[in-house]
Amino acid sequence: MPEDVLRYVSEKTEIKPAEIMGVASFYSQFRLAPVGEHIVKICVGTACHVKGAGQVYDAFRREFKLRMA
């Protein structure tokens, strides 16, 4: 969320910028910095883990030469 957008939302809603940032930084749907064109999420819940999600995650990391997150 660019600073000018933060200011605009704050002015239009009369919500303090700090409150907006608190919400934006809490929820993963909001991004504070630009992200890539495509976002891939791999389930890491218990059922997915049991079914081999770790192997899928490792394969993506190797294929796309990604660092550990």
Protein backbone atom coordinates (compact mmCIF):
# COMPACT_ATOMS: atom_id res chain seq x y z
CA MET A 1 0.00 0.00 0.00
CA PRO A 2 1.82 3.10 -1.20
CA GLU A 3 1.96 6.07 1.17
CA ASP A 4 -0.17 8.28 -1.10
CA VAL A 5 -2.92 5.62 -1.12
CA LEU A 6 -2.72 5.38 2.66
CA ARG A 7 -3.15 9.15 2.92
CA TYR A 8 -6.05 9.15 0.45
CA VAL A 9 -7.92 6.40 2.32
CA SER A 10 -7.27 8.16 5.60
CA GLU A 11 -8.67 11.45 4.28
CA LYS A 12 -11.75 9.86 2.70
CA THR A 13 -12.64 7.70 5.70
CA GLU A 14 -11.38 9.92 8.52
CA ILE A 15 -9.54 6.88 9.91
CA LYS A 16 -6.07 7.58 11.29
CA PRO A 17 -3.19 6.34 9.08
CA ALA A 18 -1.84 4.28 11.99
CA GLU A 19 -5.13 2.39 12.25
CA ILE A 20 -5.17 1.70 8.51
CA MET A 21 -1.58 0.43 8.67
CA GLY A 22 -2.49 -1.76 11.63
CA VAL A 23 -5.18 -3.49 9.60
CA ALA A 24 -3.11 -3.61 6.40
CA SER A 25 -0.13 -5.17 8.17
CA PHE A 26 -2.29 -7.72 10.02
CA TYR A 27 -4.13 -9.27 7.07
CA SER A 28 -2.12 -11.19 4.48
CA GLN A 29 -4.45 -10.05 1.67
CA PHE A 30 -2.99 -6.54 1.91
CA ARG A 31 0.50 -5.95 0.55
CA LEU A 32 2.74 -3.15 1.77
CA ALA A 33 5.25 -3.71 -1.04
CA PRO A 34 4.77 -4.81 -4.65
CA VAL A 35 4.71 -8.56 -5.23
CA GLY A 36 5.24 -10.72 -8.29
CA GLU A 37 2.76 -11.16 -11.09
CA HIS A 38 1.77 -14.65 -9.86
CA ILE A 39 1.43 -15.85 -6.28
CA VAL A 40 1.60 -19.58 -5.56
CA LYS A 41 0.43 -20.83 -2.19
CA ILE A 42 1.05 -24.38 -1.03
CA CYS A 43 -1.10 -25.83 1.71
CA VAL A 44 0.96 -26.64 4.79
CA GLY A 45 -1.88 -27.81 7.04
CA THR A 46 -1.76 -31.20 8.76
CA ALA A 47 -3.63 -33.13 6.05
CA CYS A 48 -1.49 -31.58 3.29
CA HIS A 49 1.67 -32.26 5.26
CA VAL A 50 0.73 -35.92 5.61
CA LYS A 51 0.08 -36.12 1.85
CA GLY A 52 3.52 -34.71 0.97
CA ALA A 53 3.16 -30.93 0.81
CA GLY A 54 6.77 -30.59 1.89
CA GLN A 55 7.91 -32.38 -1.26
CA VAL A 56 5.77 -30.10 -3.43
CA TYR A 57 7.20 -27.05 -1.64
CA ASP A 58 10.78 -28.29 -2.10
CA ALA A 59 10.17 -29.02 -5.80
CA PHE A 60 8.87 -25.47 -6.38
CA ARG A 61 11.87 -24.02 -4.56
CA ARG A 62 14.30 -26.06 -6.66
CA GLU A 63 12.54 -25.42 -9.99
CA PHE A 64 12.28 -21.66 -9.52
CA LYS A 65 15.52 -21.25 -7.50
CA LEU A 66 13.70 -19.69 -4.54
CA ARG A 67 15.19 -18.89 -1.15
CA MET A 68 13.68 -20.24 2.06
CA ALA A 69 10.81 -18.10 3.29
